[in-house]
Amino acid sequence: IYKVGESEKQLRKDCIENLDTAIEKFELALQEEPEHEHIIEQLAVAYLNRASIEENESIKSNWLNKSIQMYDQVISSPVKHQSDTSKVNSSIFLAMIFGKLKKLEEASRLINIIICCQPKYFLGYYAKACIYALNGKDMDSLLKIAFSALKKAIELNSAIEKEMLWDPDLKNLSSSSVYKDWFSSFYQNELKSKEENQK
């Protein structure tokens, strides 16, 4: 147990160091080209990833707010060659960040607009599931919305079944007494699939 704990601690330390290095390089690059949309987008992703491994809640919020600023720039960018998919994905991640910051009203408003505009894009529904699950601890009404959105995402793209089993943003949903059996069935299927592949 001690060795596993030390290994995970070192892995987390390495991830932080690598992300901090990447962030420093992106920030320097952005100083030279402040309107370069690709750098802005990559910096937004780096800030979001940095927040995901930060244990201090105050520092985590700071990283998330930095990411919001970058995603806002990506979405409002007038650059014509930037793909619509890039802007949609950036909007989805922005909604997710609002959800992580417990700003459910802003998050739900944005993600519902995205789903309305892109009703067949699985990622919008998956993000909605995460947003409501993050804010739905011990709140059945919010978990019900999260569950409905997750089922729709799976219907549109079954490949996310594996992702959802390990996604910490869905923890409140997967650990709920109402839905944990449903998640368990997918988990058992995943174990069987791995065993069959190893034969």
N, C-alpha and C. Protein backbone atom coordinates (compact mmCIF):
# COMPACT_ATOMS: atom_id res chain seq x y z
N ILE A 1 0.84 -1.21 0.00
CA ILE A 1 0.00 0.00 0.00
C ILE A 1 0.88 1.25 0.00
N TYR A 2 1.94 1.20 0.79
CA TYR A 2 2.85 2.36 0.88
C TYR A 2 3.47 2.65 -0.47
N LYS A 3 3.91 1.59 -1.16
CA LYS A 3 4.56 1.78 -2.45
C LYS A 3 3.60 2.36 -3.48
N VAL A 4 2.36 1.84 -3.48
CA VAL A 4 1.36 2.37 -4.43
C VAL A 4 1.11 3.84 -4.16
N GLY A 5 0.98 4.19 -2.87
CA GLY A 5 0.75 5.58 -2.50
C GLY A 5 1.88 6.49 -2.94
N GLU A 6 3.10 6.04 -2.75
CA GLU A 6 4.27 6.82 -3.15
C GLU A 6 4.33 6.96 -4.67
N SER A 7 3.97 5.88 -5.37
CA SER A 7 3.98 5.90 -6.83
C SER A 7 2.98 6.91 -7.36
N GLU A 8 1.78 6.91 -6.80
CA GLU A 8 0.74 7.85 -7.23
C GLU A 8 1.15 9.29 -6.91
N LYS A 9 1.80 9.46 -5.76
CA LYS A 9 2.26 10.80 -5.35
C LYS A 9 3.30 11.33 -6.33
N GLN A 10 4.23 10.45 -6.74
CA GLN A 10 5.27 10.86 -7.68
C GLN A 10 4.68 11.15 -9.05
N LEU A 11 3.70 10.32 -9.47
CA LEU A 11 3.05 10.52 -10.77
C LEU A 11 2.34 11.86 -10.80
N ARG A 12 1.65 12.19 -9.72
CA ARG A 12 0.95 13.47 -9.65
C ARG A 12 1.95 14.62 -9.69
N LYS A 13 3.07 14.47 -8.97
CA LYS A 13 4.11 15.50 -8.97
C LYS A 13 4.67 15.72 -10.36
N ASP A 14 4.91 14.62 -11.08
CA ASP A 14 5.44 14.71 -12.45
C ASP A 14 4.45 15.40 -13.37
N CYS A 15 3.16 15.07 -13.21
CA CYS A 15 2.11 15.69 -14.05
C CYS A 15 2.06 17.19 -13.82
N ILE A 16 2.15 17.59 -12.56
CA ILE A 16 2.11 19.02 -12.23
C ILE A 16 3.31 19.74 -12.84
N GLU A 17 4.48 19.15 -12.72
CA GLU A 17 5.69 19.76 -13.27
C GLU A 17 5.60 19.89 -14.78
N ASN A 18 5.12 18.84 -15.45
CA ASN A 18 4.98 18.88 -16.91
C ASN A 18 3.97 19.92 -17.35
N LEU A 19 2.84 19.99 -16.66
CA LEU A 19 1.81 20.97 -17.01
C LEU A 19 2.29 22.40 -16.76
N ASP A 20 2.95 22.60 -15.64
CA ASP A 20 3.46 23.94 -15.32
C ASP A 20 4.48 24.40 -16.37
N THR A 21 5.31 23.45 -16.84
CA THR A 21 6.27 23.78 -17.89
C THR A 21 5.55 24.15 -19.19
N ALA A 22 4.52 23.34 -19.53
CA ALA A 22 3.75 23.61 -20.75
C ALA A 22 3.04 24.95 -20.66
N ILE A 23 2.45 25.24 -19.51
CA ILE A 23 1.75 26.50 -19.31
C ILE A 23 2.70 27.68 -19.47
N GLU A 24 3.88 27.55 -18.89
CA GLU A 24 4.87 28.64 -18.99
C GLU A 24 5.24 28.91 -20.45
N LYS A 25 5.41 27.83 -21.22
CA LYS A 25 5.78 27.99 -22.63
C LYS A 25 4.64 28.60 -23.43
N PHE A 26 3.40 28.15 -23.17
CA PHE A 26 2.24 28.71 -23.88
C PHE A 26 2.06 30.19 -23.54
N GLU A 27 2.26 30.54 -22.28
CA GLU A 27 2.09 31.94 -21.87
C GLU A 27 3.15 32.83 -22.54
N LEU A 28 4.37 32.34 -22.65
CA LEU A 28 5.42 33.09 -23.32
C LEU A 28 5.10 33.25 -24.81
N ALA A 29 4.59 32.15 -25.40
CA ALA A 29 4.23 32.19 -26.82
C ALA A 29 3.09 33.18 -27.06
N LEU A 30 2.15 33.23 -26.10
CA LEU A 30 1.00 34.12 -26.24
C LEU A 30 1.42 35.58 -26.12
N GLN A 31 2.45 35.84 -25.34
CA GLN A 31 2.96 37.21 -25.23
C GLN A 31 3.49 37.70 -26.58
N GLU A 32 4.07 36.78 -27.34
CA GLU A 32 4.61 37.14 -28.65
C GLU A 32 3.52 37.23 -29.71
N GLU A 33 2.49 36.36 -29.57
CA GLU A 33 1.38 36.37 -30.53
C GLU A 33 0.06 36.34 -29.75
N PRO A 34 -0.34 37.48 -29.20
CA PRO A 34 -1.50 37.53 -28.30
C PRO A 34 -2.85 37.18 -28.92
N GLU A 35 -2.92 37.13 -30.24
CA GLU A 35 -4.20 36.80 -30.88
C GLU A 35 -4.17 35.46 -31.60
N HIS A 36 -3.15 34.66 -31.33
CA HIS A 36 -3.01 33.36 -31.98
C HIS A 36 -4.00 32.38 -31.34
N GLU A 37 -5.07 32.07 -32.09
CA GLU A 37 -6.18 31.29 -31.52
C GLU A 37 -5.78 29.89 -31.07
N HIS A 38 -4.81 29.27 -31.76
CA HIS A 38 -4.40 27.92 -31.38
C HIS A 38 -3.67 27.93 -30.04
N ILE A 39 -2.84 28.91 -29.83
CA ILE A 39 -2.13 29.03 -28.55
C ILE A 39 -3.13 29.29 -27.43
N ILE A 40 -4.08 30.16 -27.69
CA ILE A 40 -5.11 30.48 -26.68
C ILE A 40 -5.89 29.23 -26.29
N GLU A 41 -6.26 28.45 -27.31
CA GLU A 41 -7.03 27.23 -27.05
C GLU A 41 -6.21 26.22 -26.25
N GLN A 42 -4.94 26.04 -26.62
CA GLN A 42 -4.08 25.09 -25.91
C GLN A 42 -3.83 25.54 -24.47
N LEU A 43 -3.74 26.84 -24.26
CA LEU A 43 -3.55 27.35 -22.91
C LEU A 43 -4.81 27.14 -22.07
N ALA A 44 -5.97 27.28 -22.69
CA ALA A 44 -7.23 27.01 -22.00
C ALA A 44 -7.28 25.56 -21.53
N VAL A 45 -6.88 24.65 -22.41
CA VAL A 45 -6.86 23.22 -22.07
C VAL A 45 -5.86 22.94 -20.96
N ALA A 46 -4.68 23.56 -21.05
CA ALA A 46 -3.64 23.35 -20.04
C ALA A 46 -4.10 23.84 -18.66
N TYR A 47 -4.74 25.01 -18.62
CA TYR A 47 -5.26 25.52 -17.35
C TYR A 47 -6.31 24.56 -16.78
N LEU A 48 -7.18 24.05 -17.64
CA LEU A 48 -8.23 23.14 -17.19
C LEU A 48 -7.63 21.84 -16.65
N ASN A 49 -6.63 21.30 -17.35
CA ASN A 49 -5.98 20.08 -16.89
C ASN A 49 -5.23 20.31 -15.58
N ARG A 50 -4.63 21.50 -15.46
CA ARG A 50 -3.92 21.82 -14.22
C ARG A 50 -4.89 21.87 -13.05
N ALA A 51 -6.07 22.41 -13.29
CA ALA A 51 -7.08 22.47 -12.24
C ALA A 51 -7.53 21.08 -11.81
N SER A 52 -7.59 20.17 -12.78
CA SER A 52 -8.11 18.82 -12.51
C SER A 52 -7.24 18.02 -11.55
N ILE A 53 -5.95 18.38 -11.44
CA ILE A 53 -5.07 17.64 -10.54
C ILE A 53 -4.66 18.48 -9.32
N GLU A 54 -5.28 19.62 -9.16
CA GLU A 54 -4.98 20.49 -8.02
C GLU A 54 -5.87 20.11 -6.84
N GLU A 55 -5.27 19.92 -5.67
CA GLU A 55 -6.02 19.51 -4.49
C GLU A 55 -6.54 20.69 -3.69
N ASN A 56 -5.83 21.81 -3.73
CA ASN A 56 -6.25 22.99 -3.01
C ASN A 56 -7.41 23.66 -3.76
N GLU A 57 -8.57 23.78 -3.12
CA GLU A 57 -9.76 24.28 -3.79
C GLU A 57 -9.62 25.72 -4.27
N SER A 58 -8.95 26.54 -3.49
CA SER A 58 -8.77 27.94 -3.88
C SER A 58 -7.89 28.05 -5.12
N ILE A 59 -6.80 27.28 -5.14
CA ILE A 59 -5.90 27.30 -6.29
C ILE A 59 -6.59 26.68 -7.50
N LYS A 60 -7.37 25.63 -7.26
CA LYS A 60 -8.13 24.99 -8.35
C LYS A 60 -9.07 25.99 -9.01
N SER A 61 -9.78 26.78 -8.20
CA SER A 61 -10.70 27.79 -8.74
C SER A 61 -9.96 28.82 -9.57
N ASN A 62 -8.76 29.17 -9.13
CA ASN A 62 -7.95 30.14 -9.86
C ASN A 62 -7.60 29.60 -11.25
N TRP A 63 -7.19 28.33 -11.33
CA TRP A 63 -6.88 27.72 -12.63
C TRP A 63 -8.13 27.67 -13.51
N LEU A 64 -9.26 27.32 -12.92
CA LEU A 64 -10.51 27.23 -13.69
C LEU A 64 -10.91 28.60 -14.24
N ASN A 65 -10.74 29.63 -13.45
CA ASN A 65 -11.08 30.98 -13.91
C ASN A 65 -10.14 31.45 -15.03
N LYS A 66 -8.88 31.05 -14.95
CA LYS A 66 -7.93 31.35 -16.03
C LYS A 66 -8.39 30.65 -17.32
N SER A 67 -8.84 29.41 -17.17
CA SER A 67 -9.30 28.66 -18.33
C SER A 67 -10.54 29.30 -18.95
N ILE A 68 -11.42 29.81 -18.10
CA ILE A 68 -12.62 30.51 -18.59
C ILE A 68 -12.22 31.69 -19.47
N GLN A 69 -11.25 32.47 -19.03
CA GLN A 69 -10.79 33.63 -19.80
C GLN A 69 -10.30 33.22 -21.19
N MET A 70 -9.56 32.13 -21.24
CA MET A 70 -9.02 31.67 -22.52
C MET A 70 -10.12 31.14 -23.43
N TYR A 71 -11.03 30.34 -22.87
CA TYR A 71 -12.12 29.79 -23.69
C TYR A 71 -13.03 30.89 -24.20
N ASP A 72 -13.23 31.93 -23.39
CA ASP A 72 -14.02 33.08 -23.84
C ASP A 72 -13.39 33.70 -25.09
N GLN A 73 -12.07 33.78 -25.09
CA GLN A 73 -11.37 34.35 -26.25
C GLN A 73 -11.51 33.45 -27.48
N VAL A 74 -11.42 32.14 -27.26
CA VAL A 74 -11.57 31.20 -28.38
C VAL A 74 -12.94 31.33 -29.00
N ILE A 75 -13.97 31.36 -28.16
CA ILE A 75 -15.34 31.39 -28.65
C ILE A 75 -15.67 32.70 -29.37
N SER A 76 -15.11 33.80 -28.86
CA SER A 76 -15.41 35.11 -29.46
C SER A 76 -14.45 35.49 -30.57
N SER A 77 -13.50 34.61 -30.87
CA SER A 77 -12.51 34.91 -31.90
C SER A 77 -13.17 35.12 -33.27
N PRO A 78 -12.78 36.18 -33.99
CA PRO A 78 -13.36 36.43 -35.32
C PRO A 78 -12.65 35.66 -36.43
N VAL A 79 -11.64 34.86 -36.05
CA VAL A 79 -10.84 34.14 -37.05
C VAL A 79 -11.74 33.22 -37.87
N LYS A 80 -11.73 33.41 -39.18
CA LYS A 80 -12.65 32.69 -40.05
C LYS A 80 -12.26 31.24 -40.27
N HIS A 81 -10.94 30.94 -40.23
CA HIS A 81 -10.55 29.57 -40.53
C HIS A 81 -10.64 28.64 -39.31
N GLN A 82 -11.04 29.23 -38.16
CA GLN A 82 -11.23 28.38 -37.00
C GLN A 82 -12.50 27.56 -37.20
N SER A 83 -12.42 26.26 -36.98
CA SER A 83 -13.55 25.38 -37.28
C SER A 83 -14.71 25.60 -36.31
N ASP A 84 -15.91 25.33 -36.82
CA ASP A 84 -17.10 25.42 -35.97
C ASP A 84 -17.01 24.40 -34.83
N THR A 85 -16.45 23.22 -35.12
CA THR A 85 -16.32 22.19 -34.10
C THR A 85 -15.45 22.68 -32.95
N SER A 86 -14.39 23.39 -33.27
CA SER A 86 -13.51 23.93 -32.24
C SER A 86 -14.26 24.88 -31.32
N LYS A 87 -15.09 25.73 -31.90
CA LYS A 87 -15.84 26.69 -31.10
C LYS A 87 -16.90 25.99 -30.25
N VAL A 88 -17.53 24.96 -30.84
CA VAL A 88 -18.54 24.20 -30.10
C VAL A 88 -17.88 23.49 -28.92
N ASN A 89 -16.75 22.82 -29.17
CA ASN A 89 -16.05 22.12 -28.09
C ASN A 89 -15.59 23.08 -27.01
N SER A 90 -15.11 24.24 -27.42
CA SER A 90 -14.68 25.24 -26.45
C SER A 90 -15.86 25.70 -25.60
N SER A 91 -17.01 25.84 -26.21
CA SER A 91 -18.21 26.24 -25.48
C SER A 91 -18.63 25.15 -24.50
N ILE A 92 -18.49 23.90 -24.92
CA ILE A 92 -18.82 22.77 -24.04
C ILE A 92 -17.89 22.75 -22.83
N PHE A 93 -16.59 22.93 -23.08
CA PHE A 93 -15.65 22.94 -21.96
C PHE A 93 -15.89 24.12 -21.04
N LEU A 94 -16.30 25.25 -21.61
CA LEU A 94 -16.62 26.42 -20.80
C LEU A 94 -17.80 26.12 -19.88
N ALA A 95 -18.81 25.47 -20.43
CA ALA A 95 -19.97 25.07 -19.62
C ALA A 95 -19.55 24.11 -18.50
N MET A 96 -18.64 23.19 -18.84
CA MET A 96 -18.14 22.24 -17.85
C MET A 96 -17.42 22.96 -16.70
N ILE A 97 -16.65 23.98 -17.05
CA ILE A 97 -15.92 24.71 -16.01
C ILE A 97 -16.90 25.43 -15.08
N PHE A 98 -17.94 26.03 -15.65
CA PHE A 98 -18.97 26.64 -14.82
C PHE A 98 -19.56 25.61 -13.87
N GLY A 99 -19.76 24.40 -14.39
CA GLY A 99 -20.29 23.32 -13.55
C GLY A 99 -19.35 22.96 -12.42
N LYS A 100 -18.05 22.90 -12.73
CA LYS A 100 -17.05 22.58 -11.70
C LYS A 100 -16.99 23.67 -10.63
N LEU A 101 -17.27 24.91 -11.02
CA LEU A 101 -17.27 26.03 -10.08
C LEU A 101 -18.61 26.18 -9.36
N LYS A 102 -19.49 25.20 -9.57
CA LYS A 102 -20.82 25.19 -8.95
C LYS A 102 -21.70 26.35 -9.40
N LYS A 103 -21.44 26.83 -10.61
CA LYS A 103 -22.28 27.87 -11.19
C LYS A 103 -23.27 27.20 -12.13
N LEU A 104 -24.24 26.53 -11.53
CA LEU A 104 -25.15 25.68 -12.29
C LEU A 104 -26.01 26.48 -13.28
N GLU A 105 -26.43 27.66 -12.89
CA GLU A 105 -27.29 28.45 -13.78
C GLU A 105 -26.56 28.80 -15.08
N GLU A 106 -25.32 29.29 -14.95
CA GLU A 106 -24.54 29.63 -16.15
C GLU A 106 -24.23 28.38 -16.98
N ALA A 107 -23.87 27.31 -16.28
CA ALA A 107 -23.50 26.07 -16.97
C ALA A 107 -24.68 25.48 -17.72
N SER A 108 -25.84 25.42 -17.07
CA SER A 108 -27.01 24.81 -17.70
C SER A 108 -27.52 25.65 -18.86
N ARG A 109 -27.46 26.97 -18.72
CA ARG A 109 -27.91 27.84 -19.80
C ARG A 109 -27.05 27.62 -21.05
N LEU A 110 -25.74 27.59 -20.87
CA LEU A 110 -24.82 27.43 -22.00
C LEU A 110 -24.93 26.04 -22.62
N ILE A 111 -24.96 25.01 -21.81
CA ILE A 111 -24.97 23.66 -22.37
C ILE A 111 -26.30 23.36 -23.07
N ASN A 112 -27.38 23.94 -22.58
CA ASN A 112 -28.67 23.72 -23.23
C ASN A 112 -28.74 24.43 -24.59
N ILE A 113 -28.09 25.59 -24.69
CA ILE A 113 -28.01 26.29 -25.99
C ILE A 113 -27.21 25.44 -26.98
N ILE A 114 -26.09 24.88 -26.49
CA ILE A 114 -25.25 24.04 -27.35
C ILE A 114 -26.02 22.83 -27.85
N ILE A 115 -26.74 22.17 -26.96
CA ILE A 115 -27.51 20.98 -27.33
C ILE A 115 -28.62 21.35 -28.32
N CYS A 116 -29.20 22.51 -28.11
CA CYS A 116 -30.26 22.97 -29.03
C CYS A 116 -29.69 23.17 -30.43
N CYS A 117 -28.47 23.70 -30.51
CA CYS A 117 -27.84 23.96 -31.81
C CYS A 117 -27.20 22.72 -32.41
N GLN A 118 -26.76 21.80 -31.56
CA GLN A 118 -26.10 20.57 -32.01
C GLN A 118 -26.77 19.36 -31.34
N PRO A 119 -28.03 19.07 -31.70
CA PRO A 119 -28.80 18.03 -31.00
C PRO A 119 -28.30 16.60 -31.19
N LYS A 120 -27.40 16.39 -32.14
CA LYS A 120 -26.90 15.03 -32.38
C LYS A 120 -25.43 14.87 -31.98
N TYR A 121 -24.91 15.85 -31.25
CA TYR A 121 -23.50 15.79 -30.83
C TYR A 121 -23.45 15.23 -29.41
N PHE A 122 -22.90 14.04 -29.27
CA PHE A 122 -22.91 13.33 -27.99
C PHE A 122 -22.23 14.10 -26.86
N LEU A 123 -21.17 14.87 -27.19
CA LEU A 123 -20.38 15.52 -26.16
C LEU A 123 -21.18 16.55 -25.37
N GLY A 124 -22.15 17.18 -26.03
CA GLY A 124 -23.00 18.14 -25.33
C GLY A 124 -23.80 17.46 -24.23
N TYR A 125 -24.37 16.29 -24.53
CA TYR A 125 -25.16 15.55 -23.54
C TYR A 125 -24.27 15.00 -22.43
N TYR A 126 -23.08 14.53 -22.81
CA TYR A 126 -22.17 14.00 -21.81
C TYR A 126 -21.75 15.10 -20.84
N ALA A 127 -21.46 16.28 -21.39
CA ALA A 127 -21.09 17.42 -20.54
C ALA A 127 -22.24 17.81 -19.62
N LYS A 128 -23.46 17.76 -20.15
CA LYS A 128 -24.63 18.08 -19.33
C LYS A 128 -24.76 17.09 -18.17
N ALA A 129 -24.50 15.81 -18.46
CA ALA A 129 -24.55 14.79 -17.41
C ALA A 129 -23.53 15.11 -16.31
N CYS A 130 -22.32 15.48 -16.73
CA CYS A 130 -21.27 15.81 -15.77
C CYS A 130 -21.63 17.05 -14.95
N ILE A 131 -22.15 18.06 -15.62
CA ILE A 131 -22.50 19.31 -14.94
C ILE A 131 -23.53 19.08 -13.84
N TYR A 132 -24.58 18.34 -14.19
CA TYR A 132 -25.64 18.11 -13.20
C TYR A 132 -25.21 17.12 -12.13
N ALA A 133 -24.35 16.17 -12.49
CA ALA A 133 -23.84 15.23 -11.48
C ALA A 133 -22.94 15.95 -10.48
N LEU A 134 -22.08 16.85 -10.99
CA LEU A 134 -21.20 17.61 -10.11
C LEU A 134 -21.97 18.45 -9.09
N ASN A 135 -23.13 18.92 -9.50
CA ASN A 135 -23.94 19.79 -8.65
C ASN A 135 -25.11 19.07 -7.98
N GLY A 136 -25.17 17.75 -8.18
CA GLY A 136 -26.35 17.02 -7.74
C GLY A 136 -26.18 16.10 -6.55
N LYS A 137 -25.14 16.30 -5.75
CA LYS A 137 -24.94 15.44 -4.60
C LYS A 137 -26.15 15.50 -3.67
N ASP A 138 -26.75 14.32 -3.42
CA ASP A 138 -27.94 14.20 -2.55
C ASP A 138 -29.13 15.01 -3.07
N MET A 139 -29.13 15.28 -4.37
CA MET A 139 -30.26 16.00 -4.98
C MET A 139 -30.79 15.17 -6.14
N ASP A 140 -31.82 14.40 -5.87
CA ASP A 140 -32.35 13.45 -6.85
C ASP A 140 -32.81 14.12 -8.14
N SER A 141 -33.36 15.33 -8.03
CA SER A 141 -33.89 16.00 -9.23
C SER A 141 -32.76 16.31 -10.22
N LEU A 142 -31.59 16.73 -9.71
CA LEU A 142 -30.47 17.04 -10.58
C LEU A 142 -29.82 15.76 -11.12
N LEU A 143 -29.75 14.73 -10.29
CA LEU A 143 -29.18 13.46 -10.73
C LEU A 143 -30.05 12.81 -11.80
N LYS A 144 -31.34 13.03 -11.72
CA LYS A 144 -32.25 12.50 -12.73
C LYS A 144 -31.96 13.14 -14.09
N ILE A 145 -31.72 14.45 -14.10
CA ILE A 145 -31.36 15.16 -15.34
C ILE A 145 -30.02 14.64 -15.86
N ALA A 146 -29.07 14.45 -14.95
CA ALA A 146 -27.74 13.95 -15.33
C ALA A 146 -27.85 12.57 -15.97
N PHE A 147 -28.65 11.72 -15.37
CA PHE A 147 -28.80 10.35 -15.87
C PHE A 147 -29.44 10.33 -17.25
N SER A 148 -30.46 11.15 -17.44
CA SER A 148 -31.13 11.24 -18.73
C SER A 148 -30.16 11.71 -19.82
N ALA A 149 -29.35 12.72 -19.49
CA ALA A 149 -28.38 13.24 -20.45
C ALA A 149 -27.32 12.20 -20.78
N LEU A 150 -26.89 11.46 -19.77
CA LEU A 150 -25.86 10.43 -19.98
C LEU A 150 -26.37 9.33 -20.89
N LYS A 151 -27.59 8.91 -20.68
CA LYS A 151 -28.18 7.86 -21.54
C LYS A 151 -28.27 8.33 -22.99
N LYS A 152 -28.61 9.61 -23.18
CA LYS A 152 -28.68 10.16 -24.53
C LYS A 152 -27.30 10.20 -25.17
N ALA A 153 -26.28 10.55 -24.39
CA ALA A 153 -24.91 10.58 -24.91
C ALA A 153 -24.47 9.20 -25.35
N ILE A 154 -24.80 8.19 -24.58
CA ILE A 154 -24.44 6.81 -24.91
C ILE A 154 -25.19 6.35 -26.16
N GLU A 155 -26.42 6.77 -26.26
CA GLU A 155 -27.23 6.43 -27.44
C GLU A 155 -26.57 6.98 -28.72
N LEU A 156 -25.98 8.16 -28.60
CA LEU A 156 -25.34 8.80 -29.75
C LEU A 156 -23.91 8.31 -29.99
N ASN A 157 -23.27 7.85 -28.94
CA ASN A 157 -21.89 7.36 -29.06
C ASN A 157 -21.61 6.36 -27.93
N SER A 158 -21.73 5.09 -28.21
CA SER A 158 -21.57 4.05 -27.18
C SER A 158 -20.13 3.95 -26.66
N ALA A 159 -19.19 4.54 -27.37
CA ALA A 159 -17.78 4.45 -26.97
C ALA A 159 -17.52 5.13 -25.62
N ILE A 160 -18.41 6.03 -25.21
CA ILE A 160 -18.18 6.73 -23.95
C ILE A 160 -18.54 5.88 -22.74
N GLU A 161 -19.06 4.68 -22.96
CA GLU A 161 -19.38 3.79 -21.84
C GLU A 161 -18.15 3.54 -20.96
N LYS A 162 -16.99 3.36 -21.59
CA LYS A 162 -15.76 3.11 -20.83
C LYS A 162 -15.33 4.36 -20.07
N GLU A 163 -15.45 5.50 -20.72
CA GLU A 163 -15.03 6.77 -20.10
C GLU A 163 -15.83 7.07 -18.86
N MET A 164 -17.14 6.83 -18.93
CA MET A 164 -18.01 7.24 -17.83
C MET A 164 -17.74 6.45 -16.55
N LEU A 165 -17.19 5.23 -16.69
CA LEU A 165 -16.94 4.39 -15.52
C LEU A 165 -15.87 4.97 -14.61
N TRP A 166 -14.97 5.78 -15.19
CA TRP A 166 -13.85 6.30 -14.41
C TRP A 166 -13.87 7.82 -14.29
N ASP A 167 -14.91 8.45 -14.79
CA ASP A 167 -14.95 9.92 -14.79
C ASP A 167 -15.34 10.44 -13.40
N PRO A 168 -14.43 11.16 -12.72
CA PRO A 168 -14.74 11.68 -11.38
C PRO A 168 -15.89 12.68 -11.37
N ASP A 169 -16.15 13.30 -12.53
CA ASP A 169 -17.25 14.27 -12.60
C ASP A 169 -18.61 13.60 -12.47
N LEU A 170 -18.64 12.28 -12.69
CA LEU A 170 -19.91 11.54 -12.59
C LEU A 170 -20.04 10.79 -11.27
N LYS A 171 -19.12 11.03 -10.35
CA LYS A 171 -19.08 10.26 -9.11
C LYS A 171 -20.38 10.34 -8.32
N ASN A 172 -20.96 11.53 -8.22
CA ASN A 172 -22.21 11.67 -7.46
C ASN A 172 -23.34 10.84 -8.08
N LEU A 173 -23.26 10.66 -9.39
CA LEU A 173 -24.28 9.87 -10.08
C LEU A 173 -24.01 8.38 -9.93
N SER A 174 -22.77 7.96 -10.16
CA SER A 174 -22.43 6.54 -10.13
C SER A 174 -22.51 5.96 -8.72
N SER A 175 -22.35 6.81 -7.69
CA SER A 175 -22.41 6.32 -6.31
C SER A 175 -23.80 6.45 -5.70
N SER A 176 -24.71 7.05 -6.43
CA SER A 176 -26.08 7.20 -5.95
C SER A 176 -26.77 5.85 -5.83
N SER A 177 -27.53 5.66 -4.77
CA SER A 177 -28.22 4.38 -4.56
C SER A 177 -29.22 4.09 -5.68
N VAL A 178 -29.68 5.14 -6.33
CA VAL A 178 -30.66 4.97 -7.41
C VAL A 178 -30.01 4.45 -8.69
N TYR A 179 -28.78 4.87 -8.96
CA TYR A 179 -28.17 4.58 -10.26
C TYR A 179 -26.93 3.68 -10.20
N LYS A 180 -26.45 3.35 -9.00
CA LYS A 180 -25.19 2.60 -8.92
C LYS A 180 -25.30 1.19 -9.54
N ASP A 181 -26.46 0.58 -9.46
CA ASP A 181 -26.63 -0.74 -10.08
C ASP A 181 -26.52 -0.65 -11.60
N TRP A 182 -27.03 0.43 -12.16
CA TRP A 182 -26.95 0.64 -13.61
C TRP A 182 -25.49 0.77 -14.02
N PHE A 183 -24.71 1.53 -13.26
CA PHE A 183 -23.29 1.68 -13.54
C PHE A 183 -22.55 0.35 -13.35
N SER A 184 -22.95 -0.41 -12.34
CA SER A 184 -22.30 -1.70 -12.05
C SER A 184 -22.42 -2.66 -13.22
N SER A 185 -23.55 -2.62 -13.90
CA SER A 185 -23.75 -3.52 -15.04
C SER A 185 -22.75 -3.20 -16.15
N PHE A 186 -22.49 -1.93 -16.37
CA PHE A 186 -21.50 -1.55 -17.37
C PHE A 186 -20.09 -1.94 -16.92
N TYR A 187 -19.84 -1.78 -15.62
CA TYR A 187 -18.52 -2.12 -15.08
C TYR A 187 -18.25 -3.61 -15.23
N GLN A 188 -19.25 -4.43 -14.95
CA GLN A 188 -19.10 -5.89 -15.08
C GLN A 188 -18.86 -6.28 -16.54
N ASN A 189 -19.56 -5.62 -17.44
CA ASN A 189 -19.36 -5.89 -18.86
C ASN A 189 -17.95 -5.52 -19.31
N GLU A 190 -17.43 -4.43 -18.75
CA GLU A 190 -16.07 -4.00 -19.07
C GLU A 190 -15.04 -5.02 -18.57
N LEU A 191 -15.26 -5.55 -17.38
CA LEU A 191 -14.35 -6.57 -16.82
C LEU A 191 -14.37 -7.83 -17.67
N LYS A 192 -15.58 -8.24 -18.08
CA LYS A 192 -15.69 -9.44 -18.92
C LYS A 192 -14.98 -9.24 -20.25
N SER A 193 -15.13 -8.05 -20.81
CA SER A 193 -14.49 -7.75 -22.09
C SER A 193 -12.97 -7.82 -21.97
N LYS A 194 -12.43 -7.30 -20.86
CA LYS A 194 -10.99 -7.35 -20.64
C LYS A 194 -10.50 -8.78 -20.47
N GLU A 195 -11.28 -9.59 -19.75
CA GLU A 195 -10.90 -10.98 -19.53
C GLU A 195 -10.89 -11.75 -20.85
N GLU A 196 -11.86 -11.50 -21.68
CA GLU A 196 -11.94 -12.19 -22.98
C GLU A 196 -10.77 -11.78 -23.88
N ASN A 197 -10.39 -10.52 -23.81
CA ASN A 197 -9.28 -10.03 -24.65
C ASN A 197 -7.93 -10.60 -24.20
N GLN A 198 -7.85 -10.96 -22.93
CA GLN A 198 -6.61 -11.49 -22.38
C GLN A 198 -6.44 -12.99 -22.67
N LYS A 199 -7.54 -13.64 -23.09
CA LYS A 199 -7.48 -15.08 -23.36
C LYS A 199 -6.74 -15.36 -24.68
